[in-house]
Amino acid sequence: MCPTLYYRPLSVPPTAADIRTLQDMRVACGWYLDRVPRWIDEVATNKRFLWFIHFGVIHPTTGNLVGQSPAIGMISLYLDNPEDPSLASYSLTSRVEITSLFVYASYRHLGIGMAAIKEMERRAQTFGASHTTFNTMAVERHLRVFKEELGYREYKARTATYSVSDVIGAGFPPNYHIAAFLEKAL
């Protein structure tokens, strides 16, 4: 059972603390620290929505959020991916891409990642998206979860998307540089 989660949006303009939190998460996961400035610009121009994931403290009587833990992860929705419109082209196809999912290692295996994906699907559906998509390393044990438990399907050929140096730098074997592309109708 996943604990209660709270999704706090990146503020616009972002606070220094939020920028530092984003940078710390990207260093911890080993991926895309260099993209943080671009993501901040995309949030400011409504091309991306980005949330920090927190444990939420819910009041037992009112059901209102009354507190939150420090950020334990992050996730975003990308509306228009100019590098691969098949992943996200909301303005043309109503497809949005779930990206940048990260949960600190000490909080993994609690169902937080799966809960975050489901929450992004729900949010995408509320603003009229027809599909959610994402790309991930083409590792069968990971893909099985997305396909069997979340209802995604591969919709195009796997490709060498990630640089081998990024993959190795993030602590994965070199053959993890192949990406699988998944979609789900909402």
N, C-alpha and C. Protein backbone atom coordinates (compact mmCIF):
# COMPACT_ATOMS: atom_id res chain seq x y z
N MET A 1 0.85 -1.19 0.00
CA MET A 1 0.00 0.00 0.00
C MET A 1 0.88 1.24 0.00
N CYS A 2 0.65 2.09 -0.94
CA CYS A 2 1.43 3.32 -1.05
C CYS A 2 0.96 4.32 0.00
N PRO A 3 1.88 5.00 0.67
CA PRO A 3 1.48 6.03 1.62
C PRO A 3 0.79 7.20 0.91
N THR A 4 0.14 8.08 1.68
CA THR A 4 -0.49 9.26 1.11
C THR A 4 0.60 10.16 0.53
N LEU A 5 0.39 10.56 -0.72
CA LEU A 5 1.37 11.40 -1.39
C LEU A 5 0.77 12.76 -1.69
N TYR A 6 1.63 13.76 -1.70
CA TYR A 6 1.25 15.12 -2.04
C TYR A 6 2.17 15.56 -3.17
N TYR A 7 1.59 16.15 -4.21
CA TYR A 7 2.33 16.61 -5.38
C TYR A 7 2.36 18.13 -5.35
N ARG A 8 3.54 18.67 -5.08
CA ARG A 8 3.69 20.13 -5.00
C ARG A 8 4.30 20.65 -6.29
N PRO A 9 3.60 21.55 -6.99
CA PRO A 9 4.14 22.03 -8.27
C PRO A 9 5.37 22.90 -8.06
N LEU A 10 6.25 22.85 -9.04
CA LEU A 10 7.39 23.76 -9.06
C LEU A 10 6.83 25.17 -9.18
N SER A 11 7.27 26.05 -8.29
CA SER A 11 6.77 27.43 -8.32
C SER A 11 7.35 28.18 -9.51
N VAL A 12 6.60 29.17 -9.97
CA VAL A 12 7.05 30.03 -11.07
C VAL A 12 7.01 31.47 -10.58
N PRO A 13 8.12 32.16 -10.50
CA PRO A 13 9.46 31.65 -10.72
C PRO A 13 9.86 30.70 -9.59
N PRO A 14 10.76 29.78 -9.85
CA PRO A 14 11.14 28.82 -8.81
C PRO A 14 11.96 29.50 -7.71
N THR A 15 11.79 28.99 -6.52
CA THR A 15 12.60 29.48 -5.41
C THR A 15 13.99 28.87 -5.52
N ALA A 16 14.93 29.48 -4.85
CA ALA A 16 16.29 28.93 -4.82
C ALA A 16 16.27 27.53 -4.22
N ALA A 17 15.42 27.32 -3.22
CA ALA A 17 15.32 25.99 -2.60
C ALA A 17 14.78 24.96 -3.58
N ASP A 18 13.80 25.34 -4.40
CA ASP A 18 13.27 24.40 -5.39
C ASP A 18 14.31 24.07 -6.45
N ILE A 19 15.07 25.05 -6.88
CA ILE A 19 16.12 24.79 -7.86
C ILE A 19 17.14 23.83 -7.28
N ARG A 20 17.52 24.07 -6.03
CA ARG A 20 18.51 23.19 -5.36
C ARG A 20 17.95 21.77 -5.22
N THR A 21 16.66 21.66 -4.88
CA THR A 21 16.03 20.34 -4.75
C THR A 21 16.06 19.60 -6.09
N LEU A 22 15.71 20.31 -7.17
CA LEU A 22 15.76 19.70 -8.50
C LEU A 22 17.19 19.24 -8.83
N GLN A 23 18.15 20.09 -8.58
CA GLN A 23 19.54 19.75 -8.88
C GLN A 23 19.99 18.55 -8.04
N ASP A 24 19.64 18.53 -6.77
CA ASP A 24 20.03 17.42 -5.90
C ASP A 24 19.43 16.10 -6.39
N MET A 25 18.18 16.14 -6.85
CA MET A 25 17.55 14.93 -7.35
C MET A 25 18.22 14.44 -8.63
N ARG A 26 18.56 15.35 -9.51
CA ARG A 26 19.19 14.95 -10.76
C ARG A 26 20.60 14.40 -10.51
N VAL A 27 21.30 14.94 -9.53
CA VAL A 27 22.61 14.39 -9.16
C VAL A 27 22.42 13.01 -8.56
N ALA A 28 21.43 12.86 -7.69
CA ALA A 28 21.19 11.57 -7.03
C ALA A 28 20.84 10.47 -8.03
N CYS A 29 20.08 10.81 -9.06
CA CYS A 29 19.70 9.78 -10.03
C CYS A 29 20.74 9.61 -11.13
N GLY A 30 21.63 10.59 -11.29
CA GLY A 30 22.68 10.47 -12.29
C GLY A 30 22.27 10.87 -13.69
N TRP A 31 21.09 11.47 -13.85
CA TRP A 31 20.58 11.82 -15.18
C TRP A 31 20.21 13.29 -15.27
N TYR A 32 20.63 13.95 -16.31
CA TYR A 32 20.08 15.20 -16.81
C TYR A 32 20.13 16.40 -15.87
N LEU A 33 21.17 16.52 -15.09
CA LEU A 33 21.36 17.75 -14.31
C LEU A 33 21.40 18.96 -15.23
N ASP A 34 21.99 18.79 -16.40
CA ASP A 34 22.13 19.90 -17.35
C ASP A 34 20.79 20.37 -17.91
N ARG A 35 19.74 19.58 -17.77
CA ARG A 35 18.43 19.96 -18.31
C ARG A 35 17.58 20.80 -17.34
N VAL A 36 18.01 20.93 -16.11
CA VAL A 36 17.21 21.66 -15.12
C VAL A 36 16.86 23.07 -15.60
N PRO A 37 17.79 23.89 -16.12
CA PRO A 37 17.39 25.23 -16.59
C PRO A 37 16.33 25.18 -17.70
N ARG A 38 16.47 24.22 -18.61
CA ARG A 38 15.48 24.09 -19.69
C ARG A 38 14.11 23.73 -19.12
N TRP A 39 14.09 22.81 -18.16
CA TRP A 39 12.81 22.41 -17.55
C TRP A 39 12.14 23.60 -16.86
N ILE A 40 12.94 24.41 -16.19
CA ILE A 40 12.38 25.59 -15.51
C ILE A 40 11.76 26.53 -16.54
N ASP A 41 12.45 26.75 -17.66
CA ASP A 41 11.89 27.57 -18.74
C ASP A 41 10.61 26.97 -19.29
N GLU A 42 10.58 25.66 -19.47
CA GLU A 42 9.39 25.00 -20.01
C GLU A 42 8.21 25.10 -19.04
N VAL A 43 8.47 25.03 -17.75
CA VAL A 43 7.40 25.22 -16.76
C VAL A 43 6.88 26.65 -16.84
N ALA A 44 7.79 27.61 -16.95
CA ALA A 44 7.40 29.03 -17.01
C ALA A 44 6.57 29.35 -18.25
N THR A 45 6.76 28.58 -19.33
CA THR A 45 6.04 28.83 -20.59
C THR A 45 4.92 27.80 -20.82
N ASN A 46 4.55 27.08 -19.77
CA ASN A 46 3.45 26.10 -19.83
C ASN A 46 3.65 24.99 -20.86
N LYS A 47 4.89 24.62 -21.09
CA LYS A 47 5.18 23.47 -21.96
C LYS A 47 5.38 22.21 -21.14
N ARG A 48 5.59 22.39 -19.85
CA ARG A 48 5.84 21.28 -18.93
C ARG A 48 5.20 21.62 -17.59
N PHE A 49 4.64 20.61 -16.94
CA PHE A 49 4.21 20.72 -15.55
C PHE A 49 5.14 19.81 -14.75
N LEU A 50 5.66 20.32 -13.65
CA LEU A 50 6.62 19.55 -12.85
C LEU A 50 6.19 19.60 -11.39
N TRP A 51 6.20 18.44 -10.74
CA TRP A 51 5.80 18.34 -9.35
C TRP A 51 6.88 17.65 -8.53
N PHE A 52 7.03 18.11 -7.30
CA PHE A 52 7.82 17.40 -6.31
C PHE A 52 6.85 16.46 -5.59
N ILE A 53 7.33 15.28 -5.26
CA ILE A 53 6.52 14.28 -4.57
C ILE A 53 6.91 14.31 -3.09
N HIS A 54 5.90 14.41 -2.25
CA HIS A 54 6.10 14.43 -0.79
C HIS A 54 5.17 13.41 -0.15
N PHE A 55 5.52 12.94 1.04
CA PHE A 55 4.53 12.26 1.85
C PHE A 55 3.61 13.34 2.38
N GLY A 56 2.32 13.11 2.32
CA GLY A 56 1.35 14.08 2.82
C GLY A 56 0.86 13.67 4.19
N VAL A 57 0.63 14.67 5.03
CA VAL A 57 0.03 14.44 6.34
C VAL A 57 -1.40 14.95 6.25
N ILE A 58 -2.34 14.04 6.38
CA ILE A 58 -3.76 14.35 6.22
C ILE A 58 -4.43 14.41 7.58
N HIS A 59 -5.22 15.46 7.80
CA HIS A 59 -5.98 15.60 9.04
C HIS A 59 -7.03 14.49 9.09
N PRO A 60 -7.10 13.74 10.20
CA PRO A 60 -8.00 12.59 10.25
C PRO A 60 -9.48 12.93 10.17
N THR A 61 -9.86 14.13 10.58
CA THR A 61 -11.27 14.50 10.57
C THR A 61 -11.68 15.22 9.29
N THR A 62 -10.87 16.21 8.89
CA THR A 62 -11.25 17.02 7.73
C THR A 62 -10.79 16.42 6.41
N GLY A 63 -9.75 15.58 6.45
CA GLY A 63 -9.19 15.04 5.22
C GLY A 63 -8.32 16.03 4.48
N ASN A 64 -8.06 17.19 5.07
CA ASN A 64 -7.23 18.22 4.43
C ASN A 64 -5.75 17.95 4.67
N LEU A 65 -4.93 18.39 3.73
CA LEU A 65 -3.50 18.29 3.89
C LEU A 65 -3.07 19.29 4.97
N VAL A 66 -2.34 18.80 5.97
CA VAL A 66 -1.89 19.69 7.04
C VAL A 66 -0.37 19.72 7.17
N GLY A 67 0.31 18.95 6.37
CA GLY A 67 1.77 18.96 6.42
C GLY A 67 2.33 18.08 5.33
N GLN A 68 3.63 18.22 5.12
CA GLN A 68 4.28 17.41 4.10
C GLN A 68 5.72 17.15 4.51
N SER A 69 6.24 16.04 4.03
CA SER A 69 7.64 15.69 4.27
C SER A 69 8.51 16.50 3.32
N PRO A 70 9.82 16.44 3.50
CA PRO A 70 10.70 16.96 2.45
C PRO A 70 10.43 16.17 1.16
N ALA A 71 10.79 16.74 0.03
CA ALA A 71 10.56 16.07 -1.25
C ALA A 71 11.29 14.73 -1.30
N ILE A 72 10.56 13.70 -1.75
CA ILE A 72 11.13 12.36 -1.86
C ILE A 72 11.28 11.95 -3.32
N GLY A 73 10.79 12.79 -4.22
CA GLY A 73 10.87 12.47 -5.64
C GLY A 73 10.33 13.59 -6.49
N MET A 74 10.24 13.33 -7.79
CA MET A 74 9.72 14.31 -8.74
C MET A 74 9.13 13.58 -9.93
N ILE A 75 8.29 14.29 -10.67
CA ILE A 75 7.70 13.77 -11.91
C ILE A 75 7.20 14.96 -12.71
N SER A 76 7.08 14.79 -14.02
CA SER A 76 6.54 15.89 -14.82
C SER A 76 5.70 15.36 -15.98
N LEU A 77 4.89 16.27 -16.51
CA LEU A 77 4.14 16.04 -17.74
C LEU A 77 4.67 17.03 -18.76
N TYR A 78 5.05 16.51 -19.91
CA TYR A 78 5.59 17.32 -21.00
C TYR A 78 4.51 17.39 -22.08
N LEU A 79 4.14 18.59 -22.46
CA LEU A 79 3.02 18.76 -23.39
C LEU A 79 3.42 18.67 -24.86
N ASP A 80 4.57 19.17 -25.21
CA ASP A 80 5.00 19.14 -26.61
C ASP A 80 6.48 18.85 -26.66
N ASN A 81 6.83 17.66 -27.10
CA ASN A 81 8.22 17.25 -27.18
C ASN A 81 8.71 17.49 -28.61
N PRO A 82 9.49 18.56 -28.84
CA PRO A 82 9.92 18.86 -30.20
C PRO A 82 10.90 17.83 -30.76
N GLU A 83 11.58 17.08 -29.88
CA GLU A 83 12.53 16.06 -30.33
C GLU A 83 11.82 14.79 -30.77
N ASP A 84 10.62 14.53 -30.22
CA ASP A 84 9.86 13.34 -30.59
C ASP A 84 8.37 13.61 -30.38
N PRO A 85 7.71 14.22 -31.37
CA PRO A 85 6.29 14.53 -31.23
C PRO A 85 5.40 13.30 -31.03
N SER A 86 5.91 12.10 -31.34
CA SER A 86 5.09 10.90 -31.06
C SER A 86 4.92 10.70 -29.57
N LEU A 87 5.83 11.24 -28.77
CA LEU A 87 5.70 11.14 -27.32
C LEU A 87 4.75 12.20 -26.77
N ALA A 88 4.89 13.41 -27.25
CA ALA A 88 4.04 14.49 -26.74
C ALA A 88 3.85 15.55 -27.81
N SER A 89 2.60 15.76 -28.15
CA SER A 89 2.22 16.83 -29.06
C SER A 89 0.77 17.18 -28.72
N TYR A 90 0.59 17.70 -27.52
CA TYR A 90 -0.75 17.94 -27.01
C TYR A 90 -1.57 18.83 -27.94
N SER A 91 -0.94 19.86 -28.47
CA SER A 91 -1.67 20.80 -29.31
C SER A 91 -2.18 20.17 -30.61
N LEU A 92 -1.52 19.11 -31.08
CA LEU A 92 -1.93 18.46 -32.33
C LEU A 92 -2.64 17.12 -32.13
N THR A 93 -2.18 16.33 -31.16
CA THR A 93 -2.68 14.96 -31.02
C THR A 93 -3.26 14.64 -29.64
N SER A 94 -3.19 15.58 -28.72
CA SER A 94 -3.65 15.38 -27.33
C SER A 94 -2.83 14.35 -26.56
N ARG A 95 -1.62 14.07 -27.02
CA ARG A 95 -0.72 13.14 -26.32
C ARG A 95 0.19 13.94 -25.39
N VAL A 96 0.40 13.44 -24.18
CA VAL A 96 1.34 14.06 -23.25
C VAL A 96 2.30 12.99 -22.75
N GLU A 97 3.50 13.43 -22.41
CA GLU A 97 4.56 12.52 -22.00
C GLU A 97 4.81 12.64 -20.50
N ILE A 98 4.81 11.51 -19.82
CA ILE A 98 5.23 11.45 -18.43
C ILE A 98 6.75 11.35 -18.43
N THR A 99 7.41 12.29 -17.77
CA THR A 99 8.88 12.33 -17.81
C THR A 99 9.46 12.58 -16.42
N SER A 100 10.75 12.38 -16.35
CA SER A 100 11.56 12.81 -15.20
C SER A 100 11.13 12.19 -13.88
N LEU A 101 10.55 10.99 -13.93
CA LEU A 101 10.17 10.32 -12.69
C LEU A 101 11.43 9.93 -11.94
N PHE A 102 11.48 10.34 -10.69
CA PHE A 102 12.59 9.98 -9.81
C PHE A 102 12.06 9.88 -8.40
N VAL A 103 12.48 8.82 -7.70
CA VAL A 103 12.18 8.64 -6.28
C VAL A 103 13.50 8.26 -5.61
N TYR A 104 13.83 8.94 -4.52
CA TYR A 104 15.06 8.61 -3.80
C TYR A 104 15.07 7.13 -3.43
N ALA A 105 16.26 6.52 -3.48
CA ALA A 105 16.41 5.08 -3.28
C ALA A 105 15.78 4.58 -1.99
N SER A 106 15.88 5.35 -0.92
CA SER A 106 15.34 4.88 0.37
C SER A 106 13.81 4.81 0.39
N TYR A 107 13.15 5.36 -0.62
CA TYR A 107 11.68 5.35 -0.68
C TYR A 107 11.15 4.46 -1.81
N ARG A 108 12.04 3.78 -2.51
CA ARG A 108 11.60 2.91 -3.59
C ARG A 108 10.98 1.63 -3.01
N HIS A 109 10.25 0.95 -3.81
CA HIS A 109 9.57 -0.29 -3.45
C HIS A 109 8.43 -0.06 -2.46
N LEU A 110 7.93 1.17 -2.42
CA LEU A 110 6.73 1.49 -1.62
C LEU A 110 5.54 1.76 -2.52
N GLY A 111 5.73 1.65 -3.82
CA GLY A 111 4.65 1.93 -4.76
C GLY A 111 4.54 3.38 -5.16
N ILE A 112 5.51 4.20 -4.80
CA ILE A 112 5.45 5.64 -5.06
C ILE A 112 5.53 5.92 -6.55
N GLY A 113 6.43 5.27 -7.26
CA GLY A 113 6.55 5.49 -8.70
C GLY A 113 5.27 5.14 -9.44
N MET A 114 4.69 4.00 -9.10
CA MET A 114 3.45 3.58 -9.76
C MET A 114 2.32 4.55 -9.41
N ALA A 115 2.24 4.97 -8.16
CA ALA A 115 1.21 5.93 -7.75
C ALA A 115 1.39 7.26 -8.47
N ALA A 116 2.64 7.68 -8.65
CA ALA A 116 2.91 8.94 -9.34
C ALA A 116 2.49 8.86 -10.81
N ILE A 117 2.77 7.75 -11.45
CA ILE A 117 2.34 7.58 -12.85
C ILE A 117 0.82 7.63 -12.94
N LYS A 118 0.14 6.94 -12.05
CA LYS A 118 -1.34 6.96 -12.06
C LYS A 118 -1.87 8.37 -11.82
N GLU A 119 -1.22 9.11 -10.95
CA GLU A 119 -1.65 10.49 -10.69
C GLU A 119 -1.44 11.37 -11.92
N MET A 120 -0.34 11.17 -12.63
CA MET A 120 -0.10 11.94 -13.86
C MET A 120 -1.14 11.58 -14.92
N GLU A 121 -1.50 10.32 -15.02
CA GLU A 121 -2.56 9.91 -15.95
C GLU A 121 -3.86 10.63 -15.61
N ARG A 122 -4.18 10.67 -14.32
CA ARG A 122 -5.41 11.34 -13.88
C ARG A 122 -5.36 12.82 -14.22
N ARG A 123 -4.25 13.46 -13.94
CA ARG A 123 -4.13 14.90 -14.23
C ARG A 123 -4.18 15.17 -15.73
N ALA A 124 -3.53 14.34 -16.51
CA ALA A 124 -3.54 14.51 -17.96
C ALA A 124 -4.97 14.38 -18.49
N GLN A 125 -5.70 13.44 -17.95
CA GLN A 125 -7.08 13.23 -18.39
C GLN A 125 -7.96 14.43 -18.06
N THR A 126 -7.70 15.09 -16.93
CA THR A 126 -8.53 16.24 -16.54
C THR A 126 -8.39 17.41 -17.50
N PHE A 127 -7.26 17.54 -18.18
CA PHE A 127 -7.17 18.63 -19.14
C PHE A 127 -7.32 18.16 -20.58
N GLY A 128 -7.83 16.95 -20.78
CA GLY A 128 -8.23 16.51 -22.10
C GLY A 128 -7.23 15.70 -22.89
N ALA A 129 -6.17 15.23 -22.26
CA ALA A 129 -5.21 14.40 -22.99
C ALA A 129 -5.87 13.08 -23.38
N SER A 130 -5.52 12.59 -24.56
CA SER A 130 -6.07 11.32 -25.03
C SER A 130 -5.18 10.14 -24.67
N HIS A 131 -3.85 10.39 -24.57
CA HIS A 131 -2.88 9.34 -24.26
C HIS A 131 -1.79 9.90 -23.36
N THR A 132 -1.24 9.03 -22.54
CA THR A 132 0.02 9.33 -21.87
C THR A 132 1.07 8.41 -22.48
N THR A 133 2.28 8.93 -22.57
CA THR A 133 3.40 8.17 -23.14
C THR A 133 4.61 8.35 -22.25
N PHE A 134 5.59 7.52 -22.44
CA PHE A 134 6.90 7.74 -21.85
C PHE A 134 7.89 6.81 -22.49
N ASN A 135 9.15 7.10 -22.28
CA ASN A 135 10.19 6.18 -22.70
C ASN A 135 10.97 5.78 -21.48
N THR A 136 11.46 4.56 -21.52
CA THR A 136 12.22 4.02 -20.40
C THR A 136 13.21 2.99 -20.93
N MET A 137 14.15 2.64 -20.11
CA MET A 137 15.12 1.63 -20.54
C MET A 137 14.39 0.34 -20.90
N ALA A 138 14.79 -0.27 -21.99
CA ALA A 138 14.13 -1.48 -22.50
C ALA A 138 14.64 -2.71 -21.74
N VAL A 139 14.26 -2.75 -20.49
CA VAL A 139 14.62 -3.86 -19.61
C VAL A 139 13.32 -4.60 -19.30
N GLU A 140 13.27 -5.86 -19.69
CA GLU A 140 12.00 -6.59 -19.65
C GLU A 140 11.34 -6.60 -18.27
N ARG A 141 12.10 -6.74 -17.20
CA ARG A 141 11.46 -6.78 -15.88
C ARG A 141 10.78 -5.46 -15.53
N HIS A 142 11.31 -4.35 -16.00
CA HIS A 142 10.68 -3.04 -15.79
C HIS A 142 9.45 -2.90 -16.69
N LEU A 143 9.62 -3.29 -17.94
CA LEU A 143 8.53 -3.14 -18.90
C LEU A 143 7.32 -3.97 -18.51
N ARG A 144 7.55 -5.11 -17.90
CA ARG A 144 6.45 -5.98 -17.48
C ARG A 144 5.50 -5.23 -16.52
N VAL A 145 6.06 -4.47 -15.61
CA VAL A 145 5.23 -3.69 -14.67
C VAL A 145 4.38 -2.68 -15.43
N PHE A 146 4.99 -1.94 -16.35
CA PHE A 146 4.25 -0.93 -17.10
C PHE A 146 3.16 -1.56 -17.95
N LYS A 147 3.46 -2.68 -18.55
CA LYS A 147 2.49 -3.33 -19.44
C LYS A 147 1.40 -4.05 -18.66
N GLU A 148 1.79 -4.88 -17.71
CA GLU A 148 0.83 -5.74 -17.02
C GLU A 148 0.06 -5.02 -15.92
N GLU A 149 0.72 -4.16 -15.18
CA GLU A 149 0.07 -3.52 -14.04
C GLU A 149 -0.53 -2.15 -14.36
N LEU A 150 0.04 -1.46 -15.35
CA LEU A 150 -0.44 -0.11 -15.66
C LEU A 150 -1.14 -0.02 -17.01
N GLY A 151 -1.10 -1.08 -17.82
CA GLY A 151 -1.84 -1.11 -19.07
C GLY A 151 -1.19 -0.39 -20.24
N TYR A 152 0.11 -0.21 -20.20
CA TYR A 152 0.81 0.43 -21.32
C TYR A 152 1.16 -0.61 -22.38
N ARG A 153 1.42 -0.10 -23.59
CA ARG A 153 1.89 -0.97 -24.67
C ARG A 153 3.00 -0.24 -25.42
N GLU A 154 3.92 -1.01 -25.96
CA GLU A 154 4.96 -0.42 -26.80
C GLU A 154 4.33 -0.03 -28.12
N TYR A 155 4.61 1.19 -28.58
CA TYR A 155 3.95 1.66 -29.79
C TYR A 155 4.91 1.96 -30.94
N LYS A 156 6.19 1.87 -30.70
CA LYS A 156 7.14 2.03 -31.81
C LYS A 156 8.42 1.28 -31.48
N ALA A 157 9.27 1.15 -32.47
CA ALA A 157 10.50 0.37 -32.32
C ALA A 157 11.41 0.94 -31.24
N ARG A 158 12.08 0.05 -30.58
CA ARG A 158 13.09 0.45 -29.59
C ARG A 158 14.29 1.05 -30.32
N THR A 159 14.90 2.05 -29.68
CA THR A 159 16.07 2.69 -30.29
C THR A 159 17.13 2.98 -29.23
N ALA A 160 18.33 3.21 -29.69
CA ALA A 160 19.44 3.61 -28.81
C ALA A 160 19.26 5.10 -28.53
N THR A 161 18.57 5.41 -27.45
CA THR A 161 18.19 6.78 -27.12
C THR A 161 19.14 7.42 -26.11
N TYR A 162 19.56 6.66 -25.13
CA TYR A 162 20.38 7.21 -24.05
C TYR A 162 21.86 7.02 -24.39
N SER A 163 22.66 8.01 -24.01
CA SER A 163 24.09 7.86 -24.25
C SER A 163 24.64 6.80 -23.29
N VAL A 164 25.56 6.00 -23.78
CA VAL A 164 26.16 4.95 -22.95
C VAL A 164 26.84 5.58 -21.74
N SER A 165 27.48 6.72 -21.93
CA SER A 165 28.16 7.36 -20.79
C SER A 165 27.16 7.81 -19.72
N ASP A 166 25.98 8.31 -20.14
CA ASP A 166 24.94 8.67 -19.16
C ASP A 166 24.44 7.43 -18.42
N VAL A 167 24.24 6.36 -19.16
CA VAL A 167 23.75 5.11 -18.57
C VAL A 167 24.75 4.58 -17.55
N ILE A 168 26.00 4.52 -17.92
CA ILE A 168 27.03 4.05 -17.00
C ILE A 168 27.15 5.00 -15.81
N GLY A 169 27.10 6.32 -16.08
CA GLY A 169 27.18 7.31 -15.01
C GLY A 169 26.05 7.21 -14.01
N ALA A 170 24.90 6.71 -14.45
CA ALA A 170 23.76 6.54 -13.55
C ALA A 170 23.79 5.18 -12.85
N GLY A 171 24.85 4.39 -13.13
CA GLY A 171 25.01 3.12 -12.43
C GLY A 171 24.38 1.92 -13.10
N PHE A 172 24.04 2.04 -14.38
CA PHE A 172 23.41 0.93 -15.09
C PHE A 172 24.40 0.29 -16.06
N PRO A 173 24.13 -0.95 -16.45
CA PRO A 173 25.00 -1.58 -17.46
C PRO A 173 24.89 -0.86 -18.80
N PRO A 174 25.94 -0.92 -19.62
CA PRO A 174 25.95 -0.19 -20.89
C PRO A 174 24.80 -0.56 -21.83
N ASN A 175 24.32 -1.80 -21.78
CA ASN A 175 23.26 -2.20 -22.71
C ASN A 175 21.90 -1.59 -22.34
N TYR A 176 21.81 -0.84 -21.27
CA TYR A 176 20.56 -0.17 -20.90
C TYR A 176 20.34 1.12 -21.69
N HIS A 177 21.14 1.38 -22.70
CA HIS A 177 21.01 2.60 -23.50
C HIS A 177 19.87 2.50 -24.51
N ILE A 178 19.26 1.35 -24.63
CA ILE A 178 18.13 1.15 -25.54
C ILE A 178 16.84 1.57 -24.83
N ALA A 179 16.02 2.36 -25.51
CA ALA A 179 14.75 2.82 -24.93
C ALA A 179 13.58 2.08 -25.55
N ALA A 180 12.58 1.85 -24.72
CA ALA A 180 11.27 1.36 -25.18
C ALA A 180 10.31 2.54 -25.06
N PHE A 181 9.35 2.63 -25.98
CA PHE A 181 8.40 3.73 -26.03
C PHE A 181 7.01 3.18 -25.76
N LEU A 182 6.39 3.68 -24.71
CA LEU A 182 5.11 3.15 -24.25
C LEU A 182 4.01 4.19 -24.32
N GLU A 183 2.79 3.71 -24.54
CA GLU A 183 1.62 4.60 -24.56
C GLU A 183 0.45 3.91 -23.90
N LYS A 184 -0.48 4.76 -23.46
CA LYS A 184 -1.72 4.27 -22.86
C LYS A 184 -2.84 5.24 -23.23
N ALA A 185 -3.93 4.71 -23.74
CA ALA A 185 -5.11 5.53 -24.01
C ALA A 185 -5.78 5.84 -22.67
N LEU A 186 -6.21 7.08 -22.53
CA LEU A 186 -6.88 7.49 -21.29
C LEU A 186 -8.38 7.42 -21.43
